[in-house]
Amino acid sequence: MTFDDLAGRIDGPMFIVTVAAGAERDGCLVGFATQASIDPGRFLVCLSDRNRTSRIARDASALAVHVVTADAMALAELFGGETGDHLDKFARCAWHEGPRGLPILDDLPHRFAGDIIGRMDCGDHDAFLLAPFWAESPGPFTALAEHVAERITPGHDA
């Protein structure tokens, strides 16, 4: 067994991360993300260095993280299968400007925003360490599992 085999068996939740910096905004589907600390609360998000969201995030001070629920496959396909290099994803979904000007997706109500307090090159992904400053979740939910999202053809290579 290889590391890739083992890692491929881990079935984590999927997130959509959104960002705004200057006049630019974007978002992407993320499978590499985890809580990184309890006290103080911290969350680590890894964005592919090939996508526009990561490029914008390099100039941003905060990110919004949305839990993709099991009933939100269309949003997962939009933010995972399309690239902001070619279209405005936000023109194809309901959203509003949230805290600190971050784009907040209306149909994913389990979400938080965090200040970017650290950045690190992790190979083909850039890691962003977040200090959450805002969160909302209206009740129980079932997250979209990674194995379900695997059928989405990425807008960019990993």
C-alpha atoms as a PDB file:
ATOM      1  CA  MET A   1       0.000   0.000   0.000  1.00  0.00           C
ATOM      2  CA  THR A   2       1.174   3.520  -0.794  1.00  0.00           C
ATOM      3  CA  PHE A   3       0.397   6.831   0.887  1.00  0.00           C
ATOM      4  CA  ASP A   4      -1.844   7.709  -2.087  1.00  0.00           C
ATOM      5  CA  ASP A   5      -3.817   4.492  -1.568  1.00  0.00           C
ATOM      6  CA  LEU A   6      -4.274   5.194   2.119  1.00  0.00           C
ATOM      7  CA  ALA A   7      -5.109   8.890   1.678  1.00  0.00           C
ATOM      8  CA  GLY A   8      -7.609   7.963  -1.034  1.00  0.00           C
ATOM      9  CA  ARG A   9      -9.589   5.976   1.539  1.00  0.00           C
ATOM     10  CA  ILE A  10     -10.097   8.962   3.831  1.00  0.00           C
ATOM     11  CA  ASP A  11     -13.545  10.395   3.149  1.00  0.00           C
ATOM     12  CA  GLY A  12     -13.655  13.910   4.537  1.00  0.00           C
ATOM     13  CA  PRO A  13     -16.181  16.712   4.171  1.00  0.00           C
ATOM     14  CA  MET A  14     -16.117  19.169   1.299  1.00  0.00           C
ATOM     15  CA  PHE A  15     -16.054  22.948   1.622  1.00  0.00           C
ATOM     16  CA  ILE A  16     -16.389  25.922  -0.677  1.00  0.00           C
ATOM     17  CA  VAL A  17     -13.956  28.699   0.160  1.00  0.00           C
ATOM     18  CA  THR A  18     -14.696  32.208  -1.066  1.00  0.00           C
ATOM     19  CA  VAL A  19     -12.409  35.215  -1.123  1.00  0.00           C
ATOM     20  CA  ALA A  20     -12.372  38.885  -2.061  1.00  0.00           C
ATOM     21  CA  ALA A  21      -9.351  41.140  -2.505  1.00  0.00           C
ATOM     22  CA  GLY A  22      -9.661  44.546  -4.110  1.00  0.00           C
ATOM     23  CA  ALA A  23     -12.178  44.316  -6.943  1.00  0.00           C
ATOM     24  CA  GLU A  24     -11.654  40.567  -7.409  1.00  0.00           C
ATOM     25  CA  ARG A  25     -13.597  37.695  -5.880  1.00  0.00           C
ATOM     26  CA  ASP A  26     -13.702  33.955  -6.457  1.00  0.00           C
ATOM     27  CA  GLY A  27     -14.320  30.656  -4.769  1.00  0.00           C
ATOM     28  CA  CYS A  28     -13.468  26.993  -5.144  1.00  0.00           C
ATOM     29  CA  LEU A  29     -14.362  23.539  -3.881  1.00  0.00           C
ATOM     30  CA  VAL A  30     -11.918  22.354  -1.219  1.00  0.00           C
ATOM     31  CA  GLY A  31     -11.258  18.879   0.133  1.00  0.00           C
ATOM     32  CA  PHE A  32      -8.048  19.652   2.034  1.00  0.00           C
ATOM     33  CA  ALA A  33      -9.219  21.480   5.165  1.00  0.00           C
ATOM     34  CA  THR A  34      -9.343  20.788   8.888  1.00  0.00           C
ATOM     35  CA  GLN A  35      -9.647  22.331  12.314  1.00  0.00           C
ATOM     36  CA  ALA A  36      -6.076  22.943  13.458  1.00  0.00           C
ATOM     37  CA  SER A  37      -6.498  24.149  17.049  1.00  0.00           C
ATOM     38  CA  ILE A  38      -9.176  24.225  19.748  1.00  0.00           C
ATOM     39  CA  ASP A  39      -7.946  27.060  21.958  1.00  0.00           C
ATOM     40  CA  PRO A  40      -7.458  29.353  20.227  1.00  0.00           C
ATOM     41  CA  GLY A  41      -9.742  28.160  17.454  1.00  0.00           C
ATOM     42  CA  ARG A  42      -7.894  27.750  14.161  1.00  0.00           C
ATOM     43  CA  PHE A  43      -8.776  26.212  10.781  1.00  0.00           C
ATOM     44  CA  LEU A  44      -6.398  25.211   7.979  1.00  0.00           C
ATOM     45  CA  VAL A  45      -7.484  25.452   4.329  1.00  0.00           C
ATOM     46  CA  CYS A  46      -5.343  24.271   1.406  1.00  0.00           C
ATOM     47  CA  LEU A  47      -6.043  25.764  -2.019  1.00  0.00           C
ATOM     48  CA  SER A  48      -4.591  24.454  -5.266  1.00  0.00           C
ATOM     49  CA  ASP A  49      -1.884  26.817  -6.426  1.00  0.00           C
ATOM     50  CA  ARG A  50      -3.236  26.523  -9.972  1.00  0.00           C
ATOM     51  CA  ASN A  51      -6.603  28.102  -9.369  1.00  0.00           C
ATOM     52  CA  ARG A  52      -7.694  31.721  -9.328  1.00  0.00           C
ATOM     53  CA  THR A  53      -9.071  31.506  -5.780  1.00  0.00           C
ATOM     54  CA  SER A  54      -5.597  30.764  -4.445  1.00  0.00           C
ATOM     55  CA  ARG A  55      -4.071  33.607  -6.439  1.00  0.00           C
ATOM     56  CA  ILE A  56      -6.620  36.080  -5.041  1.00  0.00           C
ATOM     57  CA  ALA A  57      -6.212  34.668  -1.525  1.00  0.00           C
ATOM     58  CA  ARG A  58      -2.510  35.556  -1.591  1.00  0.00           C
ATOM     59  CA  ASP A  59      -3.573  39.232  -1.490  1.00  0.00           C
ATOM     60  CA  ALA A  60      -6.557  38.777   0.848  1.00  0.00           C
ATOM     61  CA  SER A  61      -6.784  39.237   4.602  1.00  0.00           C
ATOM     62  CA  ALA A  62      -9.633  36.759   5.197  1.00  0.00           C
ATOM     63  CA  LEU A  63     -11.468  33.769   3.717  1.00  0.00           C
ATOM     64  CA  ALA A  64     -15.024  32.478   4.081  1.00  0.00           C
ATOM     65  CA  VAL A  65     -15.458  28.718   4.484  1.00  0.00           C
ATOM     66  CA  HIS A  66     -18.821  27.107   3.653  1.00  0.00           C
ATOM     67  CA  VAL A  67     -19.677  23.514   4.558  1.00  0.00           C
ATOM     68  CA  VAL A  68     -21.058  21.860   1.422  1.00  0.00           C
ATOM     69  CA  THR A  69     -24.118  19.911   2.471  1.00  0.00           C
ATOM     70  CA  ALA A  70     -25.190  16.644   0.890  1.00  0.00           C
ATOM     71  CA  ASP A  71     -28.057  18.383  -0.936  1.00  0.00           C
ATOM     72  CA  ALA A  72     -25.816  21.043  -2.552  1.00  0.00           C
ATOM     73  CA  MET A  73     -24.185  19.051  -5.334  1.00  0.00           C
ATOM     74  CA  ALA A  74     -24.996  21.750  -7.918  1.00  0.00           C
ATOM     75  CA  LEU A  75     -22.925  24.310  -5.980  1.00  0.00           C
ATOM     76  CA  ALA A  76     -20.118  21.769  -5.556  1.00  0.00           C
ATOM     77  CA  GLU A  77     -20.132  21.221  -9.320  1.00  0.00           C
ATOM     78  CA  LEU A  78     -20.135  24.972 -10.020  1.00  0.00           C
ATOM     79  CA  PHE A  79     -17.271  25.796  -7.647  1.00  0.00           C
ATOM     80  CA  GLY A  80     -15.346  22.577  -8.337  1.00  0.00           C
ATOM     81  CA  GLY A  81     -15.962  22.071 -12.040  1.00  0.00           C
ATOM     82  CA  GLU A  82     -15.690  25.630 -13.340  1.00  0.00           C
ATOM     83  CA  THR A  83     -12.860  28.112 -13.137  1.00  0.00           C
ATOM     84  CA  GLY A  84     -13.086  31.798 -12.360  1.00  0.00           C
ATOM     85  CA  ASP A  85     -10.523  32.309 -15.117  1.00  0.00           C
ATOM     86  CA  HIS A  86     -13.356  31.799 -17.632  1.00  0.00           C
ATOM     87  CA  LEU A  87     -16.617  32.759 -15.900  1.00  0.00           C
ATOM     88  CA  ASP A  88     -18.076  34.558 -12.902  1.00  0.00           C
ATOM     89  CA  LYS A  89     -19.308  31.752 -10.644  1.00  0.00           C
ATOM     90  CA  PHE A  90     -21.187  34.265  -8.503  1.00  0.00           C
ATOM     91  CA  ALA A  91     -23.375  35.225 -11.477  1.00  0.00           C
ATOM     92  CA  ARG A  92     -24.657  31.626 -11.385  1.00  0.00           C
ATOM     93  CA  CYS A  93     -25.629  31.381  -7.707  1.00  0.00           C
ATOM     94  CA  ALA A  94     -27.255  33.335  -4.891  1.00  0.00           C
ATOM     95  CA  TRP A  95     -24.815  35.183  -2.661  1.00  0.00           C
ATOM     96  CA  HIS A  96     -24.377  38.370  -0.685  1.00  0.00           C
ATOM     97  CA  GLU A  97     -21.532  40.444   0.632  1.00  0.00           C
ATOM     98  CA  GLY A  98     -20.759  39.337   4.157  1.00  0.00           C
ATOM     99  CA  PRO A  99     -18.320  40.329   6.849  1.00  0.00           C
ATOM    100  CA  ARG A 100     -15.272  42.222   5.585  1.00  0.00           C
ATOM    101  CA  GLY A 101     -16.659  42.135   2.041  1.00  0.00           C
ATOM    102  CA  LEU A 102     -16.380  38.347   1.708  1.00  0.00           C
ATOM    103  CA  PRO A 103     -18.787  36.649  -0.717  1.00  0.00           C
ATOM    104  CA  ILE A 104     -21.213  34.501   1.307  1.00  0.00           C
ATOM    105  CA  LEU A 105     -23.165  31.768  -0.492  1.00  0.00           C
ATOM    106  CA  ASP A 106     -26.862  31.974   0.405  1.00  0.00           C
ATOM    107  CA  ASP A 107     -27.569  28.267  -0.139  1.00  0.00           C
ATOM    108  CA  LEU A 108     -24.790  27.050   2.199  1.00  0.00           C
ATOM    109  CA  PRO A 109     -25.877  28.342   5.617  1.00  0.00           C
ATOM    110  CA  HIS A 110     -23.224  26.496   7.665  1.00  0.00           C
ATOM    111  CA  ARG A 111     -20.220  28.782   7.316  1.00  0.00           C
ATOM    112  CA  PHE A 112     -17.569  30.869   8.975  1.00  0.00           C
ATOM    113  CA  ALA A 113     -14.991  33.480   8.106  1.00  0.00           C
ATOM    114  CA  GLY A 114     -11.468  33.802   9.364  1.00  0.00           C
ATOM    115  CA  ASP A 115      -8.536  36.141   9.205  1.00  0.00           C
ATOM    116  CA  ILE A 116      -5.562  34.688   7.343  1.00  0.00           C
ATOM    117  CA  ILE A 117      -2.861  34.555  10.033  1.00  0.00           C
ATOM    118  CA  GLY A 118      -0.421  32.262   8.241  1.00  0.00           C
ATOM    119  CA  ARG A 119       0.457  31.040   4.765  1.00  0.00           C
ATOM    120  CA  MET A 120       2.628  28.129   3.722  1.00  0.00           C
ATOM    121  CA  ASP A 121       3.644  26.473   0.456  1.00  0.00           C
ATOM    122  CA  CYS A 122       2.557  22.840   0.726  1.00  0.00           C
ATOM    123  CA  GLY A 123       3.607  21.554  -2.705  1.00  0.00           C
ATOM    124  CA  ASP A 124       0.816  21.888  -5.260  1.00  0.00           C
ATOM    125  CA  HIS A 125      -1.403  23.599  -2.660  1.00  0.00           C
ATOM    126  CA  ASP A 126      -1.024  26.736  -0.560  1.00  0.00           C
ATOM    127  CA  ALA A 127      -2.097  26.440   3.080  1.00  0.00           C
ATOM    128  CA  PHE A 128      -3.943  29.286   4.773  1.00  0.00           C
ATOM    129  CA  LEU A 129      -4.255  29.243   8.554  1.00  0.00           C
ATOM    130  CA  LEU A 130      -7.418  31.019   9.658  1.00  0.00           C
ATOM    131  CA  ALA A 131      -8.412  32.628  12.947  1.00  0.00           C
ATOM    132  CA  PRO A 132     -12.233  32.514  12.786  1.00  0.00           C
ATOM    133  CA  PHE A 133     -14.002  35.792  13.643  1.00  0.00           C
ATOM    134  CA  TRP A 134     -17.578  35.041  12.469  1.00  0.00           C
ATOM    135  CA  ALA A 135     -19.698  31.892  12.162  1.00  0.00           C
ATOM    136  CA  GLU A 136     -23.275  30.790  11.653  1.00  0.00           C
ATOM    137  CA  SER A 137     -25.050  27.457  11.431  1.00  0.00           C
ATOM    138  CA  PRO A 138     -28.836  27.187  11.675  1.00  0.00           C
ATOM    139  CA  GLY A 139     -28.915  23.566  12.878  1.00  0.00           C
ATOM    140  CA  PRO A 140     -27.905  20.001  12.059  1.00  0.00           C
ATOM    141  CA  PHE A 141     -26.534  19.130   8.637  1.00  0.00           C
ATOM    142  CA  THR A 142     -24.962  16.318   6.655  1.00  0.00           C
ATOM    143  CA  ALA A 143     -21.789  17.327   4.847  1.00  0.00           C
ATOM    144  CA  LEU A 144     -21.122  16.292   1.250  1.00  0.00           C
ATOM    145  CA  ALA A 145     -18.527  13.522   1.413  1.00  0.00           C
ATOM    146  CA  GLU A 146     -15.392  13.583  -0.699  1.00  0.00           C
ATOM    147  CA  HIS A 147     -16.232  10.279  -2.419  1.00  0.00           C
ATOM    148  CA  VAL A 148     -19.432  11.844  -3.807  1.00  0.00           C
ATOM    149  CA  ALA A 149     -17.594  14.953  -5.028  1.00  0.00           C
ATOM    150  CA  GLU A 150     -14.949  12.851  -6.825  1.00  0.00           C
ATOM    151  CA  ARG A 151     -17.194  12.651  -9.898  1.00  0.00           C
ATOM    152  CA  ILE A 152     -16.751  16.397 -10.516  1.00  0.00           C
ATOM    153  CA  THR A 153     -14.239  17.120 -13.269  1.00  0.00           C
ATOM    154  CA  PRO A 154     -12.012  19.886 -11.843  1.00  0.00           C
ATOM    155  CA  GLY A 155     -11.889  23.271 -13.511  1.00  0.00           C
ATOM    156  CA  HIS A 156      -8.096  23.104 -13.021  1.00  0.00           C
ATOM    157  CA  ASP A 157      -5.683  20.231 -12.461  1.00  0.00           C
ATOM    158  CA  ALA A 158      -4.880  19.692  -8.787  1.00  0.00           C
END
